[in-house]
Amino acid sequence: MTKTVFIEGLRLHLRCGVYSEERAMSVQVKVDVRVTSEAFVDYQKLYAVLLDIAGKSTFTYIEDFAERVIEEVRRRWKPSAVEVVVSKL
């Protein structure tokens, strides 16, 4: 049986930008994540994954952050579907 869990409206700060000056300052983004999986997906662990990726990495584009989240979710839970929406505020 598949279940869908989601986190909506999470606000994070990403070190993101084309230029190094942009990456030095953080950009506030809103993140929505939806994971459909037969495996149990713990909200707390999903939240921790988002914080970990946002806090430890720099990105050229916000799409790079979304891709990294998808890769990590696939690695951990092997879901049938993952949706990540990132909006710059």
PDB file of N, CA and C in Angstrom:
ATOM      1  N   MET A   1       0.836  -1.176   0.000  1.00  0.00           N
ATOM      2  CA  MET A   1       0.000   0.000   0.000  1.00  0.00           C
ATOM      3  C   MET A   1       0.886   1.246   0.000  1.00  0.00           C
ATOM      4  N   THR A   2       0.637   2.141  -0.924  1.00  0.00           N
ATOM      5  CA  THR A   2       1.437   3.357  -0.986  1.00  0.00           C
ATOM      6  C   THR A   2       0.781   4.467  -0.164  1.00  0.00           C
ATOM      7  N   LYS A   3       1.627   5.264   0.408  1.00  0.00           N
ATOM      8  CA  LYS A   3       1.203   6.421   1.190  1.00  0.00           C
ATOM      9  C   LYS A   3       1.927   7.650   0.641  1.00  0.00           C
ATOM     10  N   THR A   4       1.293   8.791   0.778  1.00  0.00           N
ATOM     11  CA  THR A   4       1.918  10.045   0.372  1.00  0.00           C
ATOM     12  C   THR A   4       2.080  10.932   1.597  1.00  0.00           C
ATOM     13  N   VAL A   5       3.292  11.418   1.793  1.00  0.00           N
ATOM     14  CA  VAL A   5       3.568  12.386   2.853  1.00  0.00           C
ATOM     15  C   VAL A   5       4.055  13.669   2.184  1.00  0.00           C
ATOM     16  N   PHE A   6       3.800  14.770   2.838  1.00  0.00           N
ATOM     17  CA  PHE A   6       4.225  16.027   2.231  1.00  0.00           C
ATOM     18  C   PHE A   6       4.548  17.062   3.286  1.00  0.00           C
ATOM     19  N   ILE A   7       5.417  17.954   2.887  1.00  0.00           N
ATOM     20  CA  ILE A   7       5.762  19.140   3.670  1.00  0.00           C
ATOM     21  C   ILE A   7       5.510  20.317   2.740  1.00  0.00           C
ATOM     22  N   GLU A   8       4.710  21.264   3.185  1.00  0.00           N
ATOM     23  CA  GLU A   8       4.393  22.417   2.343  1.00  0.00           C
ATOM     24  C   GLU A   8       4.746  23.718   3.054  1.00  0.00           C
ATOM     25  N   GLY A   9       5.271  24.652   2.281  1.00  0.00           N
ATOM     26  CA  GLY A   9       5.525  25.992   2.794  1.00  0.00           C
ATOM     27  C   GLY A   9       6.726  26.122   3.714  1.00  0.00           C
ATOM     28  N   LEU A  10       7.639  25.165   3.665  1.00  0.00           N
ATOM     29  CA  LEU A  10       8.842  25.240   4.498  1.00  0.00           C
ATOM     30  C   LEU A  10       9.739  26.347   3.958  1.00  0.00           C
ATOM     31  N   ARG A  11      10.109  27.264   4.821  1.00  0.00           N
ATOM     32  CA  ARG A  11      10.998  28.358   4.413  1.00  0.00           C
ATOM     33  C   ARG A  11      12.414  28.043   4.860  1.00  0.00           C
ATOM     34  N   LEU A  12      13.321  28.097   3.898  1.00  0.00           N
ATOM     35  CA  LEU A  12      14.728  27.805   4.141  1.00  0.00           C
ATOM     36  C   LEU A  12      15.585  28.915   3.551  1.00  0.00           C
ATOM     37  N   HIS A  13      16.818  28.985   4.017  1.00  0.00           N
ATOM     38  CA  HIS A  13      17.804  29.878   3.425  1.00  0.00           C
ATOM     39  C   HIS A  13      18.805  29.011   2.676  1.00  0.00           C
ATOM     40  N   LEU A  14      18.998  29.308   1.393  1.00  0.00           N
ATOM     41  CA  LEU A  14      19.961  28.587   0.553  1.00  0.00           C
ATOM     42  C   LEU A  14      21.078  29.525   0.153  1.00  0.00           C
ATOM     43  N   ARG A  15      22.279  28.974   0.110  1.00  0.00           N
ATOM     44  CA  ARG A  15      23.404  29.708  -0.493  1.00  0.00           C
ATOM     45  C   ARG A  15      23.348  29.366  -1.970  1.00  0.00           C
ATOM     46  N   CYS A  16      22.781  30.292  -2.731  1.00  0.00           N
ATOM     47  CA  CYS A  16      22.446  29.999  -4.114  1.00  0.00           C
ATOM     48  C   CYS A  16      22.692  31.232  -4.976  1.00  0.00           C
ATOM     49  N   GLY A  17      23.297  31.012  -6.148  1.00  0.00           N
ATOM     50  CA  GLY A  17      23.479  32.107  -7.084  1.00  0.00           C
ATOM     51  C   GLY A  17      24.535  31.783  -8.116  1.00  0.00           C
ATOM     52  N   VAL A  18      24.475  32.495  -9.211  1.00  0.00           N
ATOM     53  CA  VAL A  18      25.434  32.295 -10.297  1.00  0.00           C
ATOM     54  C   VAL A  18      26.804  32.840  -9.898  1.00  0.00           C
ATOM     55  N   TYR A  19      26.807  33.982  -9.205  1.00  0.00           N
ATOM     56  CA  TYR A  19      28.063  34.616  -8.820  1.00  0.00           C
ATOM     57  C   TYR A  19      28.415  34.276  -7.375  1.00  0.00           C
ATOM     58  N   SER A  20      29.704  34.243  -7.074  1.00  0.00           N
ATOM     59  CA  SER A  20      30.147  33.888  -5.725  1.00  0.00           C
ATOM     60  C   SER A  20      29.600  34.853  -4.671  1.00  0.00           C
ATOM     61  N   GLU A  21      29.433  36.131  -5.050  1.00  0.00           N
ATOM     62  CA  GLU A  21      28.876  37.107  -4.113  1.00  0.00           C
ATOM     63  C   GLU A  21      27.444  36.729  -3.720  1.00  0.00           C
ATOM     64  N   GLU A  22      26.689  36.212  -4.682  1.00  0.00           N
ATOM     65  CA  GLU A  22      25.318  35.782  -4.404  1.00  0.00           C
ATOM     66  C   GLU A  22      25.307  34.576  -3.465  1.00  0.00           C
ATOM     67  N   ARG A  23      26.206  33.644  -3.715  1.00  0.00           N
ATOM     68  CA  ARG A  23      26.262  32.422  -2.897  1.00  0.00           C
ATOM     69  C   ARG A  23      26.730  32.723  -1.477  1.00  0.00           C
ATOM     70  N   ALA A  24      27.486  33.806  -1.306  1.00  0.00           N
ATOM     71  CA  ALA A  24      27.962  34.171   0.029  1.00  0.00           C
ATOM     72  C   ALA A  24      26.800  34.624   0.917  1.00  0.00           C
ATOM     73  N   MET A  25      25.799  35.231   0.293  1.00  0.00           N
ATOM     74  CA  MET A  25      24.595  35.638   1.033  1.00  0.00           C
ATOM     75  C   MET A  25      23.527  34.581   0.777  1.00  0.00           C
ATOM     76  N   SER A  26      22.697  34.330   1.738  1.00  0.00           N
ATOM     77  CA  SER A  26      21.662  33.325   1.531  1.00  0.00           C
ATOM     78  C   SER A  26      20.420  33.946   0.912  1.00  0.00           C
ATOM     79  N   VAL A  27      19.658  33.103   0.237  1.00  0.00           N
ATOM     80  CA  VAL A  27      18.409  33.488  -0.395  1.00  0.00           C
ATOM     81  C   VAL A  27      17.298  32.707   0.305  1.00  0.00           C
ATOM     82  N   GLN A  28      16.205  33.396   0.662  1.00  0.00           N
ATOM     83  CA  GLN A  28      15.100  32.687   1.293  1.00  0.00           C
ATOM     84  C   GLN A  28      14.224  32.054   0.210  1.00  0.00           C
ATOM     85  N   VAL A  29      13.890  30.773   0.415  1.00  0.00           N
ATOM     86  CA  VAL A  29      13.039  30.040  -0.513  1.00  0.00           C
ATOM     87  C   VAL A  29      11.922  29.346   0.256  1.00  0.00           C
ATOM     88  N   LYS A  30      10.865  29.022  -0.477  1.00  0.00           N
ATOM     89  CA  LYS A  30       9.768  28.221   0.068  1.00  0.00           C
ATOM     90  C   LYS A  30       9.836  26.874  -0.631  1.00  0.00           C
ATOM     91  N   VAL A  31       9.759  25.792   0.154  1.00  0.00           N
ATOM     92  CA  VAL A  31       9.900  24.443  -0.395  1.00  0.00           C
ATOM     93  C   VAL A  31       8.644  23.629  -0.087  1.00  0.00           C
ATOM     94  N   ASP A  32       8.138  22.955  -1.117  1.00  0.00           N
ATOM     95  CA  ASP A  32       7.058  21.982  -0.973  1.00  0.00           C
ATOM     96  C   ASP A  32       7.607  20.649  -1.464  1.00  0.00           C
ATOM     97  N   VAL A  33       7.430  19.602  -0.660  1.00  0.00           N
ATOM     98  CA  VAL A  33       7.909  18.261  -1.032  1.00  0.00           C
ATOM     99  C   VAL A  33       6.765  17.281  -0.828  1.00  0.00           C
ATOM    100  N   ARG A  34       6.566  16.407  -1.819  1.00  0.00           N
ATOM    101  CA  ARG A  34       5.540  15.373  -1.741  1.00  0.00           C
ATOM    102  C   ARG A  34       6.200  14.052  -2.135  1.00  0.00           C
ATOM    103  N   VAL A  35       6.108  13.051  -1.259  1.00  0.00           N
ATOM    104  CA  VAL A  35       6.757  11.755  -1.484  1.00  0.00           C
ATOM    105  C   VAL A  35       5.700  10.656  -1.412  1.00  0.00           C
ATOM    106  N   THR A  36       5.614   9.847  -2.466  1.00  0.00           N
ATOM    107  CA  THR A  36       4.704   8.705  -2.494  1.00  0.00           C
ATOM    108  C   THR A  36       5.557   7.440  -2.489  1.00  0.00           C
ATOM    109  N   SER A  37       5.326   6.590  -1.480  1.00  0.00           N
ATOM    110  CA  SER A  37       6.181   5.421  -1.313  1.00  0.00           C
ATOM    111  C   SER A  37       5.442   4.319  -0.573  1.00  0.00           C
ATOM    112  N   GLU A  38       5.856   3.088  -0.827  1.00  0.00           N
ATOM    113  CA  GLU A  38       5.361   1.958  -0.045  1.00  0.00           C
ATOM    114  C   GLU A  38       6.113   1.861   1.275  1.00  0.00           C
ATOM    115  N   ALA A  39       7.328   2.389   1.298  1.00  0.00           N
ATOM    116  CA  ALA A  39       8.121   2.402   2.530  1.00  0.00           C
ATOM    117  C   ALA A  39       7.612   3.514   3.448  1.00  0.00           C
ATOM    118  N   PHE A  40       7.813   3.340   4.733  1.00  0.00           N
ATOM    119  CA  PHE A  40       7.438   4.368   5.704  1.00  0.00           C
ATOM    120  C   PHE A  40       8.381   5.548   5.561  1.00  0.00           C
ATOM    121  N   VAL A  41       7.845   6.729   5.366  1.00  0.00           N
ATOM    122  CA  VAL A  41       8.636   7.961   5.268  1.00  0.00           C
ATOM    123  C   VAL A  41       8.315   8.796   6.497  1.00  0.00           C
ATOM    124  N   ASP A  42       9.291   8.957   7.344  1.00  0.00           N
ATOM    125  CA  ASP A  42       9.141   9.709   8.590  1.00  0.00           C
ATOM    126  C   ASP A  42       9.256  11.204   8.287  1.00  0.00           C
ATOM    127  N   TYR A  43       8.232  11.984   8.681  1.00  0.00           N
ATOM    128  CA  TYR A  43       8.254  13.429   8.447  1.00  0.00           C
ATOM    129  C   TYR A  43       9.503  14.074   9.030  1.00  0.00           C
ATOM    130  N   GLN A  44       9.868  13.667  10.220  1.00  0.00           N
ATOM    131  CA  GLN A  44      11.026  14.265  10.888  1.00  0.00           C
ATOM    132  C   GLN A  44      12.301  14.013  10.095  1.00  0.00           C
ATOM    133  N   LYS A  45      12.447  12.813   9.556  1.00  0.00           N
ATOM    134  CA  LYS A  45      13.645  12.499   8.751  1.00  0.00           C
ATOM    135  C   LYS A  45      13.617  13.248   7.422  1.00  0.00           C
ATOM    136  N   LEU A  46      12.446  13.374   6.819  1.00  0.00           N
ATOM    137  CA  LEU A  46      12.328  14.127   5.574  1.00  0.00           C
ATOM    138  C   LEU A  46      12.695  15.594   5.813  1.00  0.00           C
ATOM    139  N   TYR A  47      12.194  16.156   6.895  1.00  0.00           N
ATOM    140  CA  TYR A  47      12.518  17.532   7.283  1.00  0.00           C
ATOM    141  C   TYR A  47      14.025  17.679   7.511  1.00  0.00           C
ATOM    142  N   ALA A  48      14.627  16.708   8.189  1.00  0.00           N
ATOM    143  CA  ALA A  48      16.066  16.741   8.465  1.00  0.00           C
ATOM    144  C   ALA A  48      16.876  16.687   7.172  1.00  0.00           C
ATOM    145  N   VAL A  49      16.413  15.917   6.198  1.00  0.00           N
ATOM    146  CA  VAL A  49      17.093  15.849   4.898  1.00  0.00           C
ATOM    147  C   VAL A  49      17.093  17.225   4.245  1.00  0.00           C
ATOM    148  N   LEU A  50      15.949  17.897   4.265  1.00  0.00           N
ATOM    149  CA  LEU A  50      15.858  19.233   3.666  1.00  0.00           C
ATOM    150  C   LEU A  50      16.799  20.222   4.350  1.00  0.00           C
ATOM    151  N   LEU A  51      16.792  20.217   5.680  1.00  0.00           N
ATOM    152  CA  LEU A  51      17.671  21.125   6.422  1.00  0.00           C
ATOM    153  C   LEU A  51      19.142  20.814   6.171  1.00  0.00           C
ATOM    154  N   ASP A  52      19.482  19.543   6.145  1.00  0.00           N
ATOM    155  CA  ASP A  52      20.871  19.126   5.945  1.00  0.00           C
ATOM    156  C   ASP A  52      21.389  19.581   4.577  1.00  0.00           C
ATOM    157  N   ILE A  53      20.606  19.322   3.544  1.00  0.00           N
ATOM    158  CA  ILE A  53      21.031  19.701   2.192  1.00  0.00           C
ATOM    159  C   ILE A  53      21.131  21.223   2.075  1.00  0.00           C
ATOM    160  N   ALA A  54      20.165  21.938   2.614  1.00  0.00           N
ATOM    161  CA  ALA A  54      20.180  23.404   2.542  1.00  0.00           C
ATOM    162  C   ALA A  54      21.342  23.993   3.328  1.00  0.00           C
ATOM    163  N   GLY A  55      21.686  23.384   4.452  1.00  0.00           N
ATOM    164  CA  GLY A  55      22.707  23.947   5.323  1.00  0.00           C
ATOM    165  C   GLY A  55      24.132  23.622   4.956  1.00  0.00           C
ATOM    166  N   LYS A  56      24.346  22.535   4.238  1.00  0.00           N
ATOM    167  CA  LYS A  56      25.715  22.082   3.976  1.00  0.00           C
ATOM    168  C   LYS A  56      26.204  22.305   2.556  1.00  0.00           C
ATOM    169  N   SER A  57      25.358  22.821   1.689  1.00  0.00           N
ATOM    170  CA  SER A  57      25.734  22.916   0.277  1.00  0.00           C
ATOM    171  C   SER A  57      25.499  24.316  -0.265  1.00  0.00           C
ATOM    172  N   THR A  58      26.169  24.616  -1.374  1.00  0.00           N
ATOM    173  CA  THR A  58      25.890  25.822  -2.135  1.00  0.00           C
ATOM    174  C   THR A  58      25.412  25.384  -3.512  1.00  0.00           C
ATOM    175  N   PHE A  59      24.598  26.225  -4.135  1.00  0.00           N
ATOM    176  CA  PHE A  59      23.989  25.867  -5.410  1.00  0.00           C
ATOM    177  C   PHE A  59      24.078  27.040  -6.366  1.00  0.00           C
ATOM    178  N   THR A  60      24.209  26.730  -7.644  1.00  0.00           N
ATOM    179  CA  THR A  60      24.174  27.773  -8.651  1.00  0.00           C
ATOM    180  C   THR A  60      22.727  28.175  -8.906  1.00  0.00           C
ATOM    181  N   TYR A  61      21.853  27.188  -9.010  1.00  0.00           N
ATOM    182  CA  TYR A  61      20.433  27.423  -9.284  1.00  0.00           C
ATOM    183  C   TYR A  61      19.586  26.745  -8.217  1.00  0.00           C
ATOM    184  N   ILE A  62      18.392  27.275  -7.953  1.00  0.00           N
ATOM    185  CA  ILE A  62      17.509  26.624  -6.978  1.00  0.00           C
ATOM    186  C   ILE A  62      17.067  25.249  -7.483  1.00  0.00           C
ATOM    187  N   GLU A  63      17.080  25.067  -8.799  1.00  0.00           N
ATOM    188  CA  GLU A  63      16.747  23.754  -9.365  1.00  0.00           C
ATOM    189  C   GLU A  63      17.774  22.702  -8.960  1.00  0.00           C
ATOM    190  N   ASP A  64      19.021  23.121  -8.743  1.00  0.00           N
ATOM    191  CA  ASP A  64      20.057  22.190  -8.278  1.00  0.00           C
ATOM    192  C   ASP A  64      19.725  21.673  -6.881  1.00  0.00           C
ATOM    193  N   PHE A  65      19.189  22.547  -6.036  1.00  0.00           N
ATOM    194  CA  PHE A  65      18.743  22.127  -4.702  1.00  0.00           C
ATOM    195  C   PHE A  65      17.621  21.098  -4.826  1.00  0.00           C
ATOM    196  N   ALA A  66      16.629  21.387  -5.675  1.00  0.00           N
ATOM    197  CA  ALA A  66      15.507  20.461  -5.862  1.00  0.00           C
ATOM    198  C   ALA A  66      15.995  19.098  -6.351  1.00  0.00           C
ATOM    199  N   GLU A  67      16.920  19.102  -7.288  1.00  0.00           N
ATOM    200  CA  GLU A  67      17.475  17.849  -7.816  1.00  0.00           C
ATOM    201  C   GLU A  67      18.192  17.058  -6.727  1.00  0.00           C
ATOM    202  N   ARG A  68      18.945  17.749  -5.904  1.00  0.00           N
ATOM    203  CA  ARG A  68      19.666  17.086  -4.806  1.00  0.00           C
ATOM    204  C   ARG A  68      18.700  16.462  -3.803  1.00  0.00           C
ATOM    205  N   VAL A  69      17.601  17.163  -3.511  1.00  0.00           N
ATOM    206  CA  VAL A  69      16.578  16.624  -2.608  1.00  0.00           C
ATOM    207  C   VAL A  69      15.966  15.364  -3.221  1.00  0.00           C
ATOM    208  N   ILE A  70      15.625  15.415  -4.493  1.00  0.00           N
ATOM    209  CA  ILE A  70      15.037  14.248  -5.159  1.00  0.00           C
ATOM    210  C   ILE A  70      15.989  13.062  -5.106  1.00  0.00           C
ATOM    211  N   GLU A  71      17.261  13.291  -5.391  1.00  0.00           N
ATOM    212  CA  GLU A  71      18.254  12.209  -5.343  1.00  0.00           C
ATOM    213  C   GLU A  71      18.322  11.573  -3.961  1.00  0.00           C
ATOM    214  N   GLU A  72      18.339  12.400  -2.916  1.00  0.00           N
ATOM    215  CA  GLU A  72      18.455  11.880  -1.553  1.00  0.00           C
ATOM    216  C   GLU A  72      17.187  11.133  -1.134  1.00  0.00           C
ATOM    217  N   VAL A  73      16.034  11.650  -1.494  1.00  0.00           N
ATOM    218  CA  VAL A  73      14.768  10.970  -1.171  1.00  0.00           C
ATOM    219  C   VAL A  73      14.710   9.625  -1.888  1.00  0.00           C
ATOM    220  N   ARG A  74      15.094   9.595  -3.144  1.00  0.00           N
ATOM    221  CA  ARG A  74      15.112   8.319  -3.896  1.00  0.00           C
ATOM    222  C   ARG A  74      16.071   7.319  -3.258  1.00  0.00           C
ATOM    223  N   ARG A  75      17.220   7.799  -2.826  1.00  0.00           N
ATOM    224  CA  ARG A  75      18.204   6.912  -2.219  1.00  0.00           C
ATOM    225  C   ARG A  75      17.687   6.318  -0.909  1.00  0.00           C
ATOM    226  N   ARG A  76      17.038   7.127  -0.089  1.00  0.00           N
ATOM    227  CA  ARG A  76      16.595   6.670   1.233  1.00  0.00           C
ATOM    228  C   ARG A  76      15.334   5.818   1.212  1.00  0.00           C
ATOM    229  N   TRP A  77      14.324   6.229   0.406  1.00  0.00           N
ATOM    230  CA  TRP A  77      13.011   5.589   0.515  1.00  0.00           C
ATOM    231  C   TRP A  77      12.536   4.885  -0.744  1.00  0.00           C
ATOM    232  N   LYS A  78      13.253   5.013  -1.842  1.00  0.00           N
ATOM    233  CA  LYS A  78      12.877   4.385  -3.106  1.00  0.00           C
ATOM    234  C   LYS A  78      11.387   4.596  -3.427  1.00  0.00           C
ATOM    235  N   PRO A  79      10.973   5.848  -3.507  1.00  0.00           N
ATOM    236  CA  PRO A  79       9.558   6.160  -3.713  1.00  0.00           C
ATOM    237  C   PRO A  79       9.097   5.911  -5.146  1.00  0.00           C
ATOM    238  N   SER A  80       7.792   5.801  -5.312  1.00  0.00           N
ATOM    239  CA  SER A  80       7.235   5.698  -6.658  1.00  0.00           C
ATOM    240  C   SER A  80       7.102   7.084  -7.293  1.00  0.00           C
ATOM    241  N   ALA A  81       7.042   8.131  -6.459  1.00  0.00           N
ATOM    242  CA  ALA A  81       6.966   9.504  -6.978  1.00  0.00           C
ATOM    243  C   ALA A  81       7.536  10.485  -5.959  1.00  0.00           C
ATOM    244  N   VAL A  82       8.221  11.497  -6.478  1.00  0.00           N
ATOM    245  CA  VAL A  82       8.742  12.590  -5.650  1.00  0.00           C
ATOM    246  C   VAL A  82       8.468  13.884  -6.400  1.00  0.00           C
ATOM    247  N   GLU A  83       7.918  14.850  -5.684  1.00  0.00           N
ATOM    248  CA  GLU A  83       7.680  16.159  -6.272  1.00  0.00           C
ATOM    249  C   GLU A  83       8.296  17.211  -5.351  1.00  0.00           C
ATOM    250  N   VAL A  84       9.119  18.081  -5.922  1.00  0.00           N
ATOM    251  CA  VAL A  84       9.739  19.155  -5.163  1.00  0.00           C
ATOM    252  C   VAL A  84       9.492  20.465  -5.906  1.00  0.00           C
ATOM    253  N   VAL A  85       8.932  21.432  -5.180  1.00  0.00           N
ATOM    254  CA  VAL A  85       8.712  22.762  -5.746  1.00  0.00           C
ATOM    255  C   VAL A  85       9.479  23.747  -4.865  1.00  0.00           C
ATOM    256  N   VAL A  86      10.355  24.534  -5.504  1.00  0.00           N
ATOM    257  CA  VAL A  86      11.134  25.525  -4.777  1.00  0.00           C
ATOM    258  C   VAL A  86      10.843  26.889  -5.388  1.00  0.00           C
ATOM    259  N   SER A  87      10.437  27.835  -4.542  1.00  0.00           N
ATOM    260  CA  SER A  87      10.128  29.184  -5.003  1.00  0.00           C
ATOM    261  C   SER A  87      10.993  30.190  -4.254  1.00  0.00           C
ATOM    262  N   LYS A  88      11.644  31.074  -4.997  1.00  0.00           N
ATOM    263  CA  LYS A  88      12.442  32.120  -4.359  1.00  0.00           C
ATOM    264  C   LYS A  88      11.486  33.192  -3.837  1.00  0.00           C
ATOM    265  N   LEU A  89      11.697  33.614  -2.595  1.00  0.00           N
ATOM    266  CA  LEU A  89      10.814  34.624  -1.995  1.00  0.00           C
ATOM    267  C   LEU A  89      11.368  36.021  -2.166  1.00  0.00           C
TER     268      LEU A  89
END
